[in-house]
Amino acid sequence: MGKQRTEMLKGTLEGIVLAILAVRPAYGYEITAQLRDQGFSDIAEGTIYALLVRIEQRGLVDVEKVPSEKGPPRKVYSLNALGGEYLDEFWKTWSFLAERINQLHHRIEHPQEEGV
């Protein structure tokens, strides 16, 4: 089940990260920590940084370099208008898929209700 969960998560992780950034700007480690707090404990920090590079290149986030107490400045990511549109579409798609999957699951679990 672990591999299946990982594969499903890969398909939704971008939307999940954008949802986190919709609440407030954050840097990579903060995003990873929030994901772990939400129960996504298997996500490697490197996965999040690679995803942040991709969404930055696609123009879905704005980036500001903020001085760090330790080391080089941190890149703080915030959701921009294009990212907000993408996130809205993500939630619509998620709702559509979740509804269809739940309907299918219900039909499989309760086939006797199908003819009602």
N, C-alpha and C. Protein backbone atom coordinates (compact mmCIF):
# COMPACT_ATOMS: atom_id res chain seq x y z
N MET A 1 0.82 -1.20 0.00
CA MET A 1 0.00 0.00 0.00
C MET A 1 0.86 1.27 0.00
N GLY A 2 2.08 1.19 0.52
CA GLY A 2 2.93 2.36 0.57
C GLY A 2 3.24 2.94 -0.79
N LYS A 3 3.56 2.09 -1.77
CA LYS A 3 3.89 2.56 -3.12
C LYS A 3 2.68 3.22 -3.77
N GLN A 4 1.51 2.63 -3.58
CA GLN A 4 0.29 3.21 -4.16
C GLN A 4 0.03 4.59 -3.56
N ARG A 5 0.20 4.71 -2.27
CA ARG A 5 -0.01 6.00 -1.61
C ARG A 5 0.98 7.04 -2.14
N THR A 6 2.24 6.62 -2.31
CA THR A 6 3.26 7.53 -2.84
C THR A 6 2.90 8.01 -4.24
N GLU A 7 2.46 7.10 -5.08
CA GLU A 7 2.10 7.47 -6.46
C GLU A 7 0.91 8.42 -6.49
N MET A 8 -0.10 8.17 -5.66
CA MET A 8 -1.26 9.06 -5.61
C MET A 8 -0.86 10.44 -5.08
N LEU A 9 0.01 10.45 -4.11
CA LEU A 9 0.46 11.71 -3.53
C LEU A 9 1.23 12.53 -4.55
N LYS A 10 2.05 11.88 -5.38
CA LYS A 10 2.79 12.60 -6.41
C LYS A 10 1.85 13.40 -7.31
N GLY A 11 0.70 12.84 -7.61
CA GLY A 11 -0.24 13.52 -8.49
C GLY A 11 -0.97 14.68 -7.85
N THR A 12 -0.93 14.77 -6.55
CA THR A 12 -1.68 15.83 -5.86
C THR A 12 -0.78 16.78 -5.06
N LEU A 13 0.49 16.46 -4.94
CA LEU A 13 1.37 17.22 -4.06
C LEU A 13 1.48 18.69 -4.47
N GLU A 14 1.50 18.95 -5.76
CA GLU A 14 1.58 20.34 -6.22
C GLU A 14 0.40 21.15 -5.69
N GLY A 15 -0.79 20.62 -5.82
CA GLY A 15 -1.98 21.30 -5.32
C GLY A 15 -1.95 21.47 -3.81
N ILE A 16 -1.45 20.45 -3.12
CA ILE A 16 -1.37 20.51 -1.66
C ILE A 16 -0.42 21.63 -1.23
N VAL A 17 0.73 21.72 -1.90
CA VAL A 17 1.70 22.78 -1.55
C VAL A 17 1.11 24.16 -1.86
N LEU A 18 0.45 24.29 -2.99
CA LEU A 18 -0.18 25.57 -3.31
C LEU A 18 -1.25 25.93 -2.27
N ALA A 19 -1.97 24.94 -1.78
CA ALA A 19 -2.98 25.19 -0.74
C ALA A 19 -2.32 25.70 0.54
N ILE A 20 -1.18 25.15 0.88
CA ILE A 20 -0.44 25.63 2.06
C ILE A 20 -0.03 27.08 1.85
N LEU A 21 0.45 27.39 0.65
CA LEU A 21 0.89 28.76 0.36
C LEU A 21 -0.28 29.73 0.25
N ALA A 22 -1.48 29.22 0.00
CA ALA A 22 -2.66 30.09 -0.04
C ALA A 22 -2.97 30.64 1.35
N VAL A 23 -2.56 29.92 2.38
CA VAL A 23 -2.80 30.37 3.76
C VAL A 23 -1.80 31.45 4.14
N ARG A 24 -0.53 31.20 3.82
CA ARG A 24 0.50 32.20 4.11
C ARG A 24 1.79 31.82 3.39
N PRO A 25 2.61 32.82 3.07
CA PRO A 25 3.91 32.54 2.45
C PRO A 25 4.77 31.66 3.36
N ALA A 26 5.65 30.88 2.74
CA ALA A 26 6.51 29.99 3.52
C ALA A 26 7.75 29.64 2.71
N TYR A 27 8.77 29.19 3.41
CA TYR A 27 9.96 28.69 2.73
C TYR A 27 9.93 27.17 2.76
N GLY A 28 10.82 26.55 2.01
CA GLY A 28 10.78 25.11 1.79
C GLY A 28 10.67 24.27 3.04
N TYR A 29 11.52 24.54 4.03
CA TYR A 29 11.49 23.72 5.24
C TYR A 29 10.16 23.87 5.98
N GLU A 30 9.61 25.09 6.01
CA GLU A 30 8.31 25.31 6.67
C GLU A 30 7.21 24.48 5.99
N ILE A 31 7.25 24.44 4.66
CA ILE A 31 6.25 23.68 3.91
C ILE A 31 6.38 22.20 4.25
N THR A 32 7.61 21.70 4.26
CA THR A 32 7.84 20.30 4.60
C THR A 32 7.33 20.01 6.01
N ALA A 33 7.62 20.89 6.95
CA ALA A 33 7.18 20.71 8.34
C ALA A 33 5.64 20.70 8.43
N GLN A 34 4.99 21.59 7.69
CA GLN A 34 3.52 21.62 7.70
C GLN A 34 2.95 20.33 7.13
N LEU A 35 3.55 19.84 6.06
CA LEU A 35 3.09 18.57 5.48
C LEU A 35 3.25 17.43 6.48
N ARG A 36 4.36 17.40 7.16
CA ARG A 36 4.59 16.35 8.17
C ARG A 36 3.59 16.48 9.32
N ASP A 37 3.29 17.70 9.71
CA ASP A 37 2.29 17.92 10.77
C ASP A 37 0.91 17.42 10.33
N GLN A 38 0.65 17.44 9.02
CA GLN A 38 -0.63 16.98 8.48
C GLN A 38 -0.63 15.48 8.23
N GLY A 39 0.44 14.79 8.58
CA GLY A 39 0.49 13.34 8.44
C GLY A 39 1.21 12.85 7.20
N PHE A 40 1.76 13.74 6.41
CA PHE A 40 2.52 13.35 5.22
C PHE A 40 3.99 13.16 5.61
N SER A 41 4.24 12.20 6.47
CA SER A 41 5.57 12.04 7.06
C SER A 41 6.61 11.44 6.12
N ASP A 42 6.18 10.83 5.03
CA ASP A 42 7.12 10.16 4.11
C ASP A 42 7.70 11.10 3.06
N ILE A 43 7.30 12.35 3.06
CA ILE A 43 7.76 13.27 2.02
C ILE A 43 9.15 13.79 2.36
N ALA A 44 10.07 13.57 1.42
CA ALA A 44 11.44 14.05 1.61
C ALA A 44 11.51 15.54 1.32
N GLU A 45 12.37 16.21 2.06
CA GLU A 45 12.52 17.66 1.88
C GLU A 45 12.95 17.98 0.45
N GLY A 46 13.81 17.13 -0.14
CA GLY A 46 14.26 17.33 -1.50
C GLY A 46 13.12 17.31 -2.51
N THR A 47 12.11 16.51 -2.24
CA THR A 47 10.92 16.45 -3.11
C THR A 47 10.22 17.79 -3.13
N ILE A 48 10.12 18.42 -1.97
CA ILE A 48 9.45 19.72 -1.88
C ILE A 48 10.26 20.79 -2.58
N TYR A 49 11.57 20.78 -2.42
CA TYR A 49 12.39 21.79 -3.09
C TYR A 49 12.31 21.65 -4.60
N ALA A 50 12.33 20.42 -5.11
CA ALA A 50 12.19 20.22 -6.56
C ALA A 50 10.83 20.71 -7.05
N LEU A 51 9.79 20.46 -6.28
CA LEU A 51 8.44 20.91 -6.65
C LEU A 51 8.38 22.44 -6.63
N LEU A 52 9.01 23.08 -5.65
CA LEU A 52 9.02 24.54 -5.57
C LEU A 52 9.72 25.15 -6.78
N VAL A 53 10.79 24.53 -7.23
CA VAL A 53 11.47 25.02 -8.44
C VAL A 53 10.52 24.95 -9.63
N ARG A 54 9.80 23.83 -9.76
CA ARG A 54 8.87 23.67 -10.89
C ARG A 54 7.74 24.69 -10.86
N ILE A 55 7.14 24.89 -9.68
CA ILE A 55 6.01 25.84 -9.65
C ILE A 55 6.49 27.29 -9.78
N GLU A 56 7.74 27.55 -9.37
CA GLU A 56 8.31 28.88 -9.60
C GLU A 56 8.53 29.10 -11.10
N GLN A 57 9.09 28.09 -11.78
CA GLN A 57 9.33 28.20 -13.22
C GLN A 57 8.04 28.36 -14.00
N ARG A 58 6.95 27.77 -13.52
CA ARG A 58 5.66 27.87 -14.19
C ARG A 58 4.93 29.16 -13.84
N GLY A 59 5.49 29.97 -12.95
CA GLY A 59 4.91 31.26 -12.61
C GLY A 59 3.74 31.20 -11.67
N LEU A 60 3.63 30.12 -10.87
CA LEU A 60 2.49 29.96 -9.97
C LEU A 60 2.71 30.60 -8.60
N VAL A 61 3.97 30.96 -8.33
CA VAL A 61 4.30 31.57 -7.04
C VAL A 61 5.23 32.76 -7.27
N ASP A 62 5.22 33.66 -6.30
CA ASP A 62 6.20 34.73 -6.25
C ASP A 62 7.24 34.33 -5.22
N VAL A 63 8.47 34.76 -5.44
CA VAL A 63 9.57 34.39 -4.55
C VAL A 63 10.26 35.65 -4.04
N GLU A 64 10.49 35.67 -2.75
CA GLU A 64 11.22 36.79 -2.13
C GLU A 64 12.35 36.19 -1.31
N LYS A 65 13.54 36.76 -1.49
CA LYS A 65 14.68 36.30 -0.69
C LYS A 65 14.69 37.10 0.61
N VAL A 66 14.66 36.36 1.71
CA VAL A 66 14.60 36.97 3.04
C VAL A 66 15.86 36.58 3.80
N PRO A 67 16.52 37.54 4.45
CA PRO A 67 17.73 37.20 5.21
C PRO A 67 17.47 36.11 6.24
N SER A 68 18.46 35.25 6.41
CA SER A 68 18.36 34.15 7.37
C SER A 68 19.34 34.39 8.50
N GLU A 69 18.98 33.95 9.69
CA GLU A 69 19.88 34.07 10.83
C GLU A 69 21.11 33.19 10.64
N LYS A 70 20.89 32.07 9.92
CA LYS A 70 21.99 31.13 9.67
C LYS A 70 22.11 30.93 8.17
N GLY A 71 23.25 31.24 7.61
CA GLY A 71 23.49 30.94 6.21
C GLY A 71 22.91 31.95 5.24
N PRO A 72 22.73 31.48 3.99
CA PRO A 72 22.27 32.38 2.92
C PRO A 72 20.79 32.76 3.10
N PRO A 73 20.35 33.77 2.35
CA PRO A 73 18.93 34.16 2.44
C PRO A 73 18.01 33.00 2.06
N ARG A 74 16.83 33.00 2.65
CA ARG A 74 15.82 31.99 2.35
C ARG A 74 14.92 32.49 1.24
N LYS A 75 14.47 31.56 0.42
CA LYS A 75 13.48 31.89 -0.59
C LYS A 75 12.10 31.64 0.02
N VAL A 76 11.33 32.70 0.16
CA VAL A 76 9.98 32.60 0.69
C VAL A 76 9.01 32.64 -0.49
N TYR A 77 8.16 31.63 -0.55
CA TYR A 77 7.22 31.47 -1.66
C TYR A 77 5.84 31.95 -1.24
N SER A 78 5.18 32.67 -2.14
CA SER A 78 3.80 33.08 -1.89
C SER A 78 2.99 32.83 -3.16
N LEU A 79 1.76 32.47 -2.94
CA LEU A 79 0.85 32.18 -4.06
C LEU A 79 0.51 33.48 -4.77
N ASN A 80 0.63 33.49 -6.09
CA ASN A 80 0.24 34.67 -6.85
C ASN A 80 -1.09 34.41 -7.56
N ALA A 81 -1.55 35.35 -8.38
CA ALA A 81 -2.86 35.22 -9.01
C ALA A 81 -2.95 33.99 -9.91
N LEU A 82 -1.90 33.73 -10.69
CA LEU A 82 -1.91 32.55 -11.56
C LEU A 82 -1.94 31.27 -10.74
N GLY A 83 -1.19 31.25 -9.66
CA GLY A 83 -1.20 30.10 -8.75
C GLY A 83 -2.57 29.92 -8.10
N GLY A 84 -3.23 31.03 -7.79
CA GLY A 84 -4.58 30.96 -7.21
C GLY A 84 -5.57 30.35 -8.19
N GLU A 85 -5.44 30.73 -9.47
CA GLU A 85 -6.31 30.14 -10.50
C GLU A 85 -6.04 28.64 -10.63
N TYR A 86 -4.76 28.29 -10.62
CA TYR A 86 -4.39 26.87 -10.71
C TYR A 86 -4.95 26.11 -9.51
N LEU A 87 -4.85 26.70 -8.32
CA LEU A 87 -5.36 26.05 -7.11
C LEU A 87 -6.87 25.89 -7.18
N ASP A 88 -7.59 26.90 -7.67
CA ASP A 88 -9.04 26.77 -7.84
C ASP A 88 -9.38 25.60 -8.75
N GLU A 89 -8.65 25.47 -9.84
CA GLU A 89 -8.88 24.35 -10.77
C GLU A 89 -8.53 23.02 -10.12
N PHE A 90 -7.47 23.01 -9.32
CA PHE A 90 -7.09 21.80 -8.58
C PHE A 90 -8.24 21.34 -7.68
N TRP A 91 -8.84 22.30 -6.92
CA TRP A 91 -9.93 21.93 -6.00
C TRP A 91 -11.15 21.44 -6.77
N LYS A 92 -11.45 22.05 -7.91
CA LYS A 92 -12.58 21.58 -8.73
C LYS A 92 -12.33 20.17 -9.23
N THR A 93 -11.11 19.92 -9.70
CA THR A 93 -10.76 18.60 -10.19
C THR A 93 -10.78 17.59 -9.06
N TRP A 94 -10.25 17.98 -7.91
CA TRP A 94 -10.24 17.09 -6.74
C TRP A 94 -11.67 16.74 -6.34
N SER A 95 -12.55 17.71 -6.28
CA SER A 95 -13.94 17.45 -5.90
C SER A 95 -14.61 16.51 -6.89
N PHE A 96 -14.39 16.74 -8.18
CA PHE A 96 -14.95 15.88 -9.22
C PHE A 96 -14.47 14.44 -9.04
N LEU A 97 -13.17 14.26 -8.91
CA LEU A 97 -12.61 12.92 -8.77
C LEU A 97 -13.07 12.24 -7.48
N ALA A 98 -13.04 12.97 -6.38
CA ALA A 98 -13.43 12.39 -5.10
C ALA A 98 -14.89 11.96 -5.13
N GLU A 99 -15.75 12.77 -5.73
CA GLU A 99 -17.17 12.42 -5.82
C GLU A 99 -17.36 11.14 -6.65
N ARG A 100 -16.70 11.07 -7.79
CA ARG A 100 -16.83 9.89 -8.66
C ARG A 100 -16.27 8.64 -8.00
N ILE A 101 -15.13 8.77 -7.34
CA ILE A 101 -14.53 7.62 -6.66
C ILE A 101 -15.41 7.17 -5.52
N ASN A 102 -15.96 8.10 -4.75
CA ASN A 102 -16.86 7.73 -3.66
C ASN A 102 -18.12 7.05 -4.18
N GLN A 103 -18.66 7.53 -5.30
CA GLN A 103 -19.83 6.88 -5.89
C GLN A 103 -19.50 5.45 -6.30
N LEU A 104 -18.38 5.27 -6.95
CA LEU A 104 -17.95 3.94 -7.37
C LEU A 104 -17.75 3.04 -6.17
N HIS A 105 -17.09 3.54 -5.16
CA HIS A 105 -16.85 2.76 -3.95
C HIS A 105 -18.17 2.35 -3.30
N HIS A 106 -19.11 3.27 -3.24
CA HIS A 106 -20.42 2.96 -2.65
C HIS A 106 -21.13 1.87 -3.45
N ARG A 107 -21.09 1.97 -4.77
CA ARG A 107 -21.74 0.96 -5.61
C ARG A 107 -21.11 -0.41 -5.42
N ILE A 108 -19.81 -0.45 -5.26
CA ILE A 108 -19.12 -1.73 -5.06
C ILE A 108 -19.44 -2.30 -3.68
N GLU A 109 -19.47 -1.43 -2.68
CA GLU A 109 -19.72 -1.87 -1.31
C GLU A 109 -21.18 -2.20 -1.05
N HIS A 110 -22.10 -1.60 -1.82
CA HIS A 110 -23.55 -1.78 -1.61
C HIS A 110 -24.26 -2.07 -2.93
N PRO A 111 -23.91 -3.16 -3.60
CA PRO A 111 -24.50 -3.43 -4.91
C PRO A 111 -26.02 -3.65 -4.85
N GLN A 112 -26.55 -4.06 -3.71
CA GLN A 112 -27.98 -4.30 -3.58
C GLN A 112 -28.78 -3.01 -3.70
N GLU A 113 -28.17 -1.85 -3.46
CA GLU A 113 -28.87 -0.58 -3.57
C GLU A 113 -28.90 -0.05 -4.99
N GLU A 114 -28.18 -0.69 -5.90
CA GLU A 114 -28.04 -0.21 -7.27
C GLU A 114 -29.37 -0.12 -7.99
N GLY A 115 -30.26 -1.06 -7.77
CA GLY A 115 -31.54 -1.08 -8.47
C GLY A 115 -32.60 -0.19 -7.86
N VAL A 116 -32.32 0.42 -6.75
CA VAL A 116 -33.32 1.23 -6.05
C VAL A 116 -33.51 2.56 -6.70
